[in-house]
Amino acid sequence: MSKSKSKKLKTIPHFKSEAAAAEFWLTHDTTDYVDWAAAQRVVFSNLRPSTKSISLRLPLSLLERLKISANKKDVPYQSLMKMILDEAMKKELRK
């Protein structure tokens, strides 16, 4: 008999906050609470990644070049900046 069928699972408690849940899972094994063998993959198609606003000072010449390039690609310049940063970080992490 498989481990998932022979083991009685504990009930996951209700948490008052996300911090309380995080603290709980730091000190407890999920296999005592979840039958991972029966888990199914789920796709959350409407979720957008969390973003954070930052302030960034750029030389005017760089900002103008970004805007010109973004205009040629028909994308907002801030979106182009994110794309360029993402590509650069992927390249950096491959090193």
PDB file of N, CA and C in Angstrom:
ATOM      1  N   MET A   1       0.850  -1.183   0.000  1.00  0.00           N
ATOM      2  CA  MET A   1       0.000   0.000   0.000  1.00  0.00           C
ATOM      3  C   MET A   1       0.893   1.243   0.000  1.00  0.00           C
ATOM      4  N   SER A   2       0.522   2.264  -0.771  1.00  0.00           N
ATOM      5  CA  SER A   2       1.360   3.459  -0.857  1.00  0.00           C
ATOM      6  C   SER A   2       1.290   4.274   0.422  1.00  0.00           C
ATOM      7  N   LYS A   3       2.315   5.064   0.626  1.00  0.00           N
ATOM      8  CA  LYS A   3       2.400   5.899   1.822  1.00  0.00           C
ATOM      9  C   LYS A   3       1.211   6.855   1.916  1.00  0.00           C
ATOM     10  N   SER A   4       0.787   7.415   0.756  1.00  0.00           N
ATOM     11  CA  SER A   4      -0.290   8.399   0.779  1.00  0.00           C
ATOM     12  C   SER A   4      -1.621   7.786   1.206  1.00  0.00           C
ATOM     13  N   LYS A   5      -1.834   6.485   0.921  1.00  0.00           N
ATOM     14  CA  LYS A   5      -3.101   5.850   1.300  1.00  0.00           C
ATOM     15  C   LYS A   5      -3.076   5.334   2.730  1.00  0.00           C
ATOM     16  N   SER A   6      -1.898   4.987   3.231  1.00  0.00           N
ATOM     17  CA  SER A   6      -1.813   4.413   4.567  1.00  0.00           C
ATOM     18  C   SER A   6      -1.701   5.482   5.657  1.00  0.00           C
ATOM     19  N   LYS A   7      -1.361   6.701   5.298  1.00  0.00           N
ATOM     20  CA  LYS A   7      -1.126   7.748   6.284  1.00  0.00           C
ATOM     21  C   LYS A   7      -2.364   8.624   6.441  1.00  0.00           C
ATOM     22  N   LYS A   8      -2.817   8.797   7.670  1.00  0.00           N
ATOM     23  CA  LYS A   8      -3.945   9.694   7.929  1.00  0.00           C
ATOM     24  C   LYS A   8      -3.421  11.118   7.959  1.00  0.00           C
ATOM     25  N   LEU A   9      -4.015  11.968   7.140  1.00  0.00           N
ATOM     26  CA  LEU A   9      -3.562  13.344   7.041  1.00  0.00           C
ATOM     27  C   LEU A   9      -4.155  14.211   8.146  1.00  0.00           C
ATOM     28  N   LYS A  10      -3.352  15.145   8.611  1.00  0.00           N
ATOM     29  CA  LYS A  10      -3.813  16.113   9.607  1.00  0.00           C
ATOM     30  C   LYS A  10      -4.599  17.209   8.913  1.00  0.00           C
ATOM     31  N   THR A  11      -5.475  17.878   9.656  1.00  0.00           N
ATOM     32  CA  THR A  11      -6.261  18.984   9.116  1.00  0.00           C
ATOM     33  C   THR A  11      -5.429  20.255   9.137  1.00  0.00           C
ATOM     34  N   ILE A  12      -5.419  20.964   8.003  1.00  0.00           N
ATOM     35  CA  ILE A  12      -4.688  22.226   7.929  1.00  0.00           C
ATOM     36  C   ILE A  12      -5.456  23.268   8.741  1.00  0.00           C
ATOM     37  N   PRO A  13      -4.791  23.935   9.686  1.00  0.00           N
ATOM     38  CA  PRO A  13      -5.496  24.934  10.502  1.00  0.00           C
ATOM     39  C   PRO A  13      -5.842  26.183   9.693  1.00  0.00           C
ATOM     40  N   HIS A  14      -6.785  26.965  10.207  1.00  0.00           N
ATOM     41  CA  HIS A  14      -7.106  28.263   9.599  1.00  0.00           C
ATOM     42  C   HIS A  14      -6.146  29.286  10.207  1.00  0.00           C
ATOM     43  N   PHE A  15      -5.607  30.143   9.368  1.00  0.00           N
ATOM     44  CA  PHE A  15      -4.623  31.119   9.819  1.00  0.00           C
ATOM     45  C   PHE A  15      -5.230  32.510   9.846  1.00  0.00           C
ATOM     46  N   LYS A  16      -4.823  33.302  10.827  1.00  0.00           N
ATOM     47  CA  LYS A  16      -5.332  34.671  10.956  1.00  0.00           C
ATOM     48  C   LYS A  16      -4.659  35.620   9.980  1.00  0.00           C
ATOM     49  N   SER A  17      -3.486  35.241   9.498  1.00  0.00           N
ATOM     50  CA  SER A  17      -2.758  36.122   8.581  1.00  0.00           C
ATOM     51  C   SER A  17      -1.832  35.283   7.712  1.00  0.00           C
ATOM     52  N   GLU A  18      -1.346  35.909   6.662  1.00  0.00           N
ATOM     53  CA  GLU A  18      -0.384  35.249   5.787  1.00  0.00           C
ATOM     54  C   GLU A  18       0.909  34.979   6.550  1.00  0.00           C
ATOM     55  N   ALA A  19       1.268  35.893   7.443  1.00  0.00           N
ATOM     56  CA  ALA A  19       2.481  35.714   8.251  1.00  0.00           C
ATOM     57  C   ALA A  19       2.348  34.493   9.164  1.00  0.00           C
ATOM     58  N   ALA A  20       1.157  34.292   9.731  1.00  0.00           N
ATOM     59  CA  ALA A  20       0.922  33.134  10.595  1.00  0.00           C
ATOM     60  C   ALA A  20       1.032  31.840   9.795  1.00  0.00           C
ATOM     61  N   ALA A  21       0.516  31.853   8.574  1.00  0.00           N
ATOM     62  CA  ALA A  21       0.608  30.672   7.716  1.00  0.00           C
ATOM     63  C   ALA A  21       2.066  30.386   7.368  1.00  0.00           C
ATOM     64  N   ALA A  22       2.807  31.423   7.028  1.00  0.00           N
ATOM     65  CA  ALA A  22       4.218  31.249   6.683  1.00  0.00           C
ATOM     66  C   ALA A  22       4.993  30.671   7.860  1.00  0.00           C
ATOM     67  N   GLU A  23       4.742  31.188   9.048  1.00  0.00           N
ATOM     68  CA  GLU A  23       5.419  30.698  10.253  1.00  0.00           C
ATOM     69  C   GLU A  23       5.082  29.220  10.496  1.00  0.00           C
ATOM     70  N   PHE A  24       3.821  28.864  10.321  1.00  0.00           N
ATOM     71  CA  PHE A  24       3.389  27.479  10.508  1.00  0.00           C
ATOM     72  C   PHE A  24       4.138  26.544   9.565  1.00  0.00           C
ATOM     73  N   TRP A  25       4.183  26.901   8.264  1.00  0.00           N
ATOM     74  CA  TRP A  25       4.792  26.003   7.287  1.00  0.00           C
ATOM     75  C   TRP A  25       6.315  25.959   7.403  1.00  0.00           C
ATOM     76  N   LEU A  26       6.912  26.936   8.078  1.00  0.00           N
ATOM     77  CA  LEU A  26       8.348  26.868   8.341  1.00  0.00           C
ATOM     78  C   LEU A  26       8.678  25.759   9.333  1.00  0.00           C
ATOM     79  N   THR A  27       7.712  25.424  10.169  1.00  0.00           N
ATOM     80  CA  THR A  27       7.978  24.459  11.241  1.00  0.00           C
ATOM     81  C   THR A  27       7.189  23.156  11.094  1.00  0.00           C
ATOM     82  N   HIS A  28       6.452  22.983   9.996  1.00  0.00           N
ATOM     83  CA  HIS A  28       5.666  21.769   9.791  1.00  0.00           C
ATOM     84  C   HIS A  28       5.915  21.190   8.400  1.00  0.00           C
ATOM     85  N   ASP A  29       5.838  19.884   8.291  1.00  0.00           N
ATOM     86  CA  ASP A  29       6.044  19.185   7.030  1.00  0.00           C
ATOM     87  C   ASP A  29       4.706  19.064   6.295  1.00  0.00           C
ATOM     88  N   THR A  30       4.669  19.538   5.058  1.00  0.00           N
ATOM     89  CA  THR A  30       3.414  19.512   4.293  1.00  0.00           C
ATOM     90  C   THR A  30       2.913  18.095   4.047  1.00  0.00           C
ATOM     91  N   THR A  31       3.812  17.117   4.049  1.00  0.00           N
ATOM     92  CA  THR A  31       3.370  15.744   3.774  1.00  0.00           C
ATOM     93  C   THR A  31       2.501  15.187   4.897  1.00  0.00           C
ATOM     94  N   ASP A  32       2.507  15.841   6.059  1.00  0.00           N
ATOM     95  CA  ASP A  32       1.600  15.446   7.140  1.00  0.00           C
ATOM     96  C   ASP A  32       0.186  15.974   6.893  1.00  0.00           C
ATOM     97  N   TYR A  33       0.044  16.935   5.981  1.00  0.00           N
ATOM     98  CA  TYR A  33      -1.225  17.625   5.764  1.00  0.00           C
ATOM     99  C   TYR A  33      -1.786  17.480   4.345  1.00  0.00           C
ATOM    100  N   VAL A  34      -0.925  17.149   3.389  1.00  0.00           N
ATOM    101  CA  VAL A  34      -1.337  17.112   1.986  1.00  0.00           C
ATOM    102  C   VAL A  34      -0.890  15.811   1.344  1.00  0.00           C
ATOM    103  N   ASP A  35      -1.786  15.177   0.587  1.00  0.00           N
ATOM    104  CA  ASP A  35      -1.436  13.991  -0.185  1.00  0.00           C
ATOM    105  C   ASP A  35      -0.943  14.464  -1.550  1.00  0.00           C
ATOM    106  N   TRP A  36       0.370  14.680  -1.652  1.00  0.00           N
ATOM    107  CA  TRP A  36       0.937  15.234  -2.878  1.00  0.00           C
ATOM    108  C   TRP A  36       0.795  14.283  -4.054  1.00  0.00           C
ATOM    109  N   ALA A  37       0.645  12.986  -3.796  1.00  0.00           N
ATOM    110  CA  ALA A  37       0.463  12.024  -4.883  1.00  0.00           C
ATOM    111  C   ALA A  37      -0.869  12.259  -5.601  1.00  0.00           C
ATOM    112  N   ALA A  38      -1.834  12.832  -4.915  1.00  0.00           N
ATOM    113  CA  ALA A  38      -3.147  13.098  -5.508  1.00  0.00           C
ATOM    114  C   ALA A  38      -3.264  14.530  -6.027  1.00  0.00           C
ATOM    115  N   ALA A  39      -2.203  15.316  -5.901  1.00  0.00           N
ATOM    116  CA  ALA A  39      -2.244  16.719  -6.326  1.00  0.00           C
ATOM    117  C   ALA A  39      -2.373  16.818  -7.837  1.00  0.00           C
ATOM    118  N   GLN A  40      -3.061  17.862  -8.283  1.00  0.00           N
ATOM    119  CA  GLN A  40      -3.218  18.115  -9.712  1.00  0.00           C
ATOM    120  C   GLN A  40      -2.666  19.484 -10.029  1.00  0.00           C
ATOM    121  N   ARG A  41      -2.038  19.605 -11.207  1.00  0.00           N
ATOM    122  CA  ARG A  41      -1.479  20.885 -11.641  1.00  0.00           C
ATOM    123  C   ARG A  41      -2.622  21.840 -11.969  1.00  0.00           C
ATOM    124  N   VAL A  42      -2.485  23.094 -11.524  1.00  0.00           N
ATOM    125  CA  VAL A  42      -3.485  24.127 -11.762  1.00  0.00           C
ATOM    126  C   VAL A  42      -2.802  25.306 -12.441  1.00  0.00           C
ATOM    127  N   VAL A  43      -3.490  25.911 -13.380  1.00  0.00           N
ATOM    128  CA  VAL A  43      -2.966  27.088 -14.074  1.00  0.00           C
ATOM    129  C   VAL A  43      -3.842  28.278 -13.716  1.00  0.00           C
ATOM    130  N   PHE A  44      -3.225  29.329 -13.188  1.00  0.00           N
ATOM    131  CA  PHE A  44      -3.932  30.567 -12.865  1.00  0.00           C
ATOM    132  C   PHE A  44      -3.668  31.548 -14.000  1.00  0.00           C
ATOM    133  N   SER A  45      -4.481  31.477 -15.035  1.00  0.00           N
ATOM    134  CA  SER A  45      -4.204  32.208 -16.260  1.00  0.00           C
ATOM    135  C   SER A  45      -4.374  33.721 -16.137  1.00  0.00           C
ATOM    136  N   ASN A  46      -5.154  34.189 -15.183  1.00  0.00           N
ATOM    137  CA  ASN A  46      -5.412  35.621 -15.084  1.00  0.00           C
ATOM    138  C   ASN A  46      -4.518  36.347 -14.088  1.00  0.00           C
ATOM    139  N   LEU A  47      -3.561  35.639 -13.497  1.00  0.00           N
ATOM    140  CA  LEU A  47      -2.693  36.279 -12.517  1.00  0.00           C
ATOM    141  C   LEU A  47      -1.612  37.095 -13.208  1.00  0.00           C
ATOM    142  N   ARG A  48      -1.327  38.226 -12.640  1.00  0.00           N
ATOM    143  CA  ARG A  48      -0.238  39.068 -13.126  1.00  0.00           C
ATOM    144  C   ARG A  48       0.838  39.098 -12.054  1.00  0.00           C
ATOM    145  N   PRO A  49       2.094  39.127 -12.461  1.00  0.00           N
ATOM    146  CA  PRO A  49       3.153  39.174 -11.446  1.00  0.00           C
ATOM    147  C   PRO A  49       3.065  40.455 -10.618  1.00  0.00           C
ATOM    148  N   SER A  50       3.413  40.352  -9.371  1.00  0.00           N
ATOM    149  CA  SER A  50       3.437  41.527  -8.506  1.00  0.00           C
ATOM    150  C   SER A  50       4.492  42.503  -9.007  1.00  0.00           C
ATOM    151  N   THR A  51       4.186  43.776  -8.888  1.00  0.00           N
ATOM    152  CA  THR A  51       5.142  44.797  -9.292  1.00  0.00           C
ATOM    153  C   THR A  51       5.350  45.778  -8.162  1.00  0.00           C
ATOM    154  N   LYS A  52       6.442  46.479  -8.216  1.00  0.00           N
ATOM    155  CA  LYS A  52       6.771  47.483  -7.209  1.00  0.00           C
ATOM    156  C   LYS A  52       7.254  48.714  -7.940  1.00  0.00           C
ATOM    157  N   SER A  53       6.723  49.862  -7.592  1.00  0.00           N
ATOM    158  CA  SER A  53       7.180  51.109  -8.188  1.00  0.00           C
ATOM    159  C   SER A  53       8.518  51.509  -7.596  1.00  0.00           C
ATOM    160  N   ILE A  54       9.404  51.955  -8.470  1.00  0.00           N
ATOM    161  CA  ILE A  54      10.699  52.450  -8.020  1.00  0.00           C
ATOM    162  C   ILE A  54      10.960  53.793  -8.685  1.00  0.00           C
ATOM    163  N   SER A  55      11.873  54.516  -8.121  1.00  0.00           N
ATOM    164  CA  SER A  55      12.314  55.771  -8.718  1.00  0.00           C
ATOM    165  C   SER A  55      13.704  55.531  -9.279  1.00  0.00           C
ATOM    166  N   LEU A  56      13.899  55.909 -10.533  1.00  0.00           N
ATOM    167  CA  LEU A  56      15.164  55.647 -11.192  1.00  0.00           C
ATOM    168  C   LEU A  56      15.588  56.892 -11.960  1.00  0.00           C
ATOM    169  N   ARG A  57      16.751  57.396 -11.646  1.00  0.00           N
ATOM    170  CA  ARG A  57      17.265  58.572 -12.351  1.00  0.00           C
ATOM    171  C   ARG A  57      18.106  58.093 -13.532  1.00  0.00           C
ATOM    172  N   LEU A  58      17.746  58.586 -14.723  1.00  0.00           N
ATOM    173  CA  LEU A  58      18.469  58.232 -15.934  1.00  0.00           C
ATOM    174  C   LEU A  58      18.963  59.499 -16.609  1.00  0.00           C
ATOM    175  N   PRO A  59      20.082  59.408 -17.279  1.00  0.00           N
ATOM    176  CA  PRO A  59      20.496  60.559 -18.088  1.00  0.00           C
ATOM    177  C   PRO A  59      19.425  60.812 -19.163  1.00  0.00           C
ATOM    178  N   LEU A  60      19.172  62.082 -19.445  1.00  0.00           N
ATOM    179  CA  LEU A  60      18.143  62.428 -20.424  1.00  0.00           C
ATOM    180  C   LEU A  60      18.396  61.777 -21.775  1.00  0.00           C
ATOM    181  N   SER A  61      19.648  61.713 -22.182  1.00  0.00           N
ATOM    182  CA  SER A  61      19.963  61.112 -23.478  1.00  0.00           C
ATOM    183  C   SER A  61      19.566  59.641 -23.533  1.00  0.00           C
ATOM    184  N   LEU A  62      19.785  58.908 -22.428  1.00  0.00           N
ATOM    185  CA  LEU A  62      19.389  57.500 -22.364  1.00  0.00           C
ATOM    186  C   LEU A  62      17.876  57.368 -22.409  1.00  0.00           C
ATOM    187  N   LEU A  63      17.180  58.212 -21.654  1.00  0.00           N
ATOM    188  CA  LEU A  63      15.718  58.172 -21.637  1.00  0.00           C
ATOM    189  C   LEU A  63      15.160  58.454 -23.036  1.00  0.00           C
ATOM    190  N   GLU A  64      15.735  59.429 -23.725  1.00  0.00           N
ATOM    191  CA  GLU A  64      15.269  59.751 -25.081  1.00  0.00           C
ATOM    192  C   GLU A  64      15.510  58.588 -26.037  1.00  0.00           C
ATOM    193  N   ARG A  65      16.674  57.936 -25.918  1.00  0.00           N
ATOM    194  CA  ARG A  65      16.954  56.784 -26.778  1.00  0.00           C
ATOM    195  C   ARG A  65      15.977  55.644 -26.484  1.00  0.00           C
ATOM    196  N   LEU A  66      15.666  55.442 -25.208  1.00  0.00           N
ATOM    197  CA  LEU A  66      14.673  54.423 -24.840  1.00  0.00           C
ATOM    198  C   LEU A  66      13.310  54.728 -25.450  1.00  0.00           C
ATOM    199  N   LYS A  67      12.902  55.974 -25.361  1.00  0.00           N
ATOM    200  CA  LYS A  67      11.598  56.360 -25.893  1.00  0.00           C
ATOM    201  C   LYS A  67      11.541  56.195 -27.408  1.00  0.00           C
ATOM    202  N   ILE A  68      12.620  56.552 -28.097  1.00  0.00           N
ATOM    203  CA  ILE A  68      12.670  56.402 -29.559  1.00  0.00           C
ATOM    204  C   ILE A  68      12.590  54.923 -29.941  1.00  0.00           C
ATOM    205  N   SER A  69      13.368  54.098 -29.242  1.00  0.00           N
ATOM    206  CA  SER A  69      13.367  52.669 -29.518  1.00  0.00           C
ATOM    207  C   SER A  69      12.003  52.060 -29.216  1.00  0.00           C
ATOM    208  N   ALA A  70      11.400  52.448 -28.110  1.00  0.00           N
ATOM    209  CA  ALA A  70      10.077  51.936 -27.749  1.00  0.00           C
ATOM    210  C   ALA A  70       9.045  52.344 -28.782  1.00  0.00           C
ATOM    211  N   ASN A  71       9.131  53.568 -29.254  1.00  0.00           N
ATOM    212  CA  ASN A  71       8.199  54.058 -30.267  1.00  0.00           C
ATOM    213  C   ASN A  71       8.314  53.234 -31.555  1.00  0.00           C
ATOM    214  N   LYS A  72       9.538  52.901 -31.951  1.00  0.00           N
ATOM    215  CA  LYS A  72       9.756  52.080 -33.144  1.00  0.00           C
ATOM    216  C   LYS A  72       9.165  50.683 -32.984  1.00  0.00           C
ATOM    217  N   LYS A  73       9.212  50.172 -31.752  1.00  0.00           N
ATOM    218  CA  LYS A  73       8.687  48.834 -31.472  1.00  0.00           C
ATOM    219  C   LYS A  73       7.200  48.868 -31.105  1.00  0.00           C
ATOM    220  N   ASP A  74       6.643  50.075 -31.002  1.00  0.00           N
ATOM    221  CA  ASP A  74       5.242  50.281 -30.650  1.00  0.00           C
ATOM    222  C   ASP A  74       4.896  49.673 -29.282  1.00  0.00           C
ATOM    223  N   VAL A  75       5.788  49.928 -28.315  1.00  0.00           N
ATOM    224  CA  VAL A  75       5.545  49.513 -26.925  1.00  0.00           C
ATOM    225  C   VAL A  75       5.824  50.710 -26.018  1.00  0.00           C
ATOM    226  N   PRO A  76       5.203  50.761 -24.849  1.00  0.00           N
ATOM    227  CA  PRO A  76       5.530  51.830 -23.899  1.00  0.00           C
ATOM    228  C   PRO A  76       7.006  51.726 -23.482  1.00  0.00           C
ATOM    229  N   TYR A  77       7.642  52.877 -23.274  1.00  0.00           N
ATOM    230  CA  TYR A  77       9.078  52.849 -22.973  1.00  0.00           C
ATOM    231  C   TYR A  77       9.375  52.129 -21.657  1.00  0.00           C
ATOM    232  N   GLN A  78       8.463  52.204 -20.672  1.00  0.00           N
ATOM    233  CA  GLN A  78       8.719  51.498 -19.417  1.00  0.00           C
ATOM    234  C   GLN A  78       8.653  49.982 -19.626  1.00  0.00           C
ATOM    235  N   SER A  79       7.773  49.538 -20.500  1.00  0.00           N
ATOM    236  CA  SER A  79       7.711  48.109 -20.823  1.00  0.00           C
ATOM    237  C   SER A  79       8.993  47.666 -21.512  1.00  0.00           C
ATOM    238  N   LEU A  80       9.499  48.498 -22.418  1.00  0.00           N
ATOM    239  CA  LEU A  80      10.761  48.184 -23.076  1.00  0.00           C
ATOM    240  C   LEU A  80      11.897  48.103 -22.061  1.00  0.00           C
ATOM    241  N   MET A  81      11.912  49.013 -21.106  1.00  0.00           N
ATOM    242  CA  MET A  81      12.938  48.974 -20.059  1.00  0.00           C
ATOM    243  C   MET A  81      12.873  47.660 -19.292  1.00  0.00           C
ATOM    244  N   LYS A  82      11.677  47.214 -18.954  1.00  0.00           N
ATOM    245  CA  LYS A  82      11.519  45.947 -18.226  1.00  0.00           C
ATOM    246  C   LYS A  82      12.001  44.774 -19.062  1.00  0.00           C
ATOM    247  N   MET A  83      11.693  44.801 -20.364  1.00  0.00           N
ATOM    248  CA  MET A  83      12.139  43.722 -21.244  1.00  0.00           C
ATOM    249  C   MET A  83      13.657  43.683 -21.317  1.00  0.00           C
ATOM    250  N   ILE A  84      14.276  44.846 -21.460  1.00  0.00           N
ATOM    251  CA  ILE A  84      15.737  44.921 -21.545  1.00  0.00           C
ATOM    252  C   ILE A  84      16.376  44.454 -20.235  1.00  0.00           C
ATOM    253  N   LEU A  85      15.842  44.897 -19.113  1.00  0.00           N
ATOM    254  CA  LEU A  85      16.376  44.469 -17.810  1.00  0.00           C
ATOM    255  C   LEU A  85      16.225  42.967 -17.616  1.00  0.00           C
ATOM    256  N   ASP A  86      15.073  42.429 -18.010  1.00  0.00           N
ATOM    257  CA  ASP A  86      14.827  40.996 -17.866  1.00  0.00           C
ATOM    258  C   ASP A  86      15.833  40.193 -18.695  1.00  0.00           C
ATOM    259  N   GLU A  87      16.035  40.592 -19.942  1.00  0.00           N
ATOM    260  CA  GLU A  87      17.003  39.905 -20.799  1.00  0.00           C
ATOM    261  C   GLU A  87      18.412  40.002 -20.226  1.00  0.00           C
ATOM    262  N   ALA A  88      18.789  41.173 -19.730  1.00  0.00           N
ATOM    263  CA  ALA A  88      20.127  41.356 -19.160  1.00  0.00           C
ATOM    264  C   ALA A  88      20.314  40.501 -17.903  1.00  0.00           C
ATOM    265  N   MET A  89      19.280  40.405 -17.085  1.00  0.00           N
ATOM    266  CA  MET A  89      19.396  39.602 -15.868  1.00  0.00           C
ATOM    267  C   MET A  89      19.486  38.106 -16.192  1.00  0.00           C
ATOM    268  N   LYS A  90      18.732  37.662 -17.184  1.00  0.00           N
ATOM    269  CA  LYS A  90      18.839  36.254 -17.597  1.00  0.00           C
ATOM    270  C   LYS A  90      20.249  35.941 -18.079  1.00  0.00           C
ATOM    271  N   LYS A  91      20.797  36.858 -18.863  1.00  0.00           N
ATOM    272  CA  LYS A  91      22.166  36.684 -19.363  1.00  0.00           C
ATOM    273  C   LYS A  91      23.168  36.692 -18.210  1.00  0.00           C
ATOM    274  N   GLU A  92      22.979  37.598 -17.269  1.00  0.00           N
ATOM    275  CA  GLU A  92      23.860  37.702 -16.094  1.00  0.00           C
ATOM    276  C   GLU A  92      23.814  36.424 -15.257  1.00  0.00           C
ATOM    277  N   LEU A  93      22.630  35.880 -15.076  1.00  0.00           N
ATOM    278  CA  LEU A  93      22.485  34.681 -14.239  1.00  0.00           C
ATOM    279  C   LEU A  93      23.016  33.432 -14.908  1.00  0.00           C
ATOM    280  N   ARG A  94      23.123  33.435 -16.232  1.00  0.00           N
ATOM    281  CA  ARG A  94      23.685  32.277 -16.953  1.00  0.00           C
ATOM    282  C   ARG A  94      25.198  32.223 -16.810  1.00  0.00           C
ATOM    283  N   LYS A  95      25.838  33.322 -16.453  1.00  0.00           N
ATOM    284  CA  LYS A  95      27.310  33.370 -16.324  1.00  0.00           C
ATOM    285  C   LYS A  95      27.794  32.424 -15.259  1.00  0.00           C
TER     286      LYS A  95
END
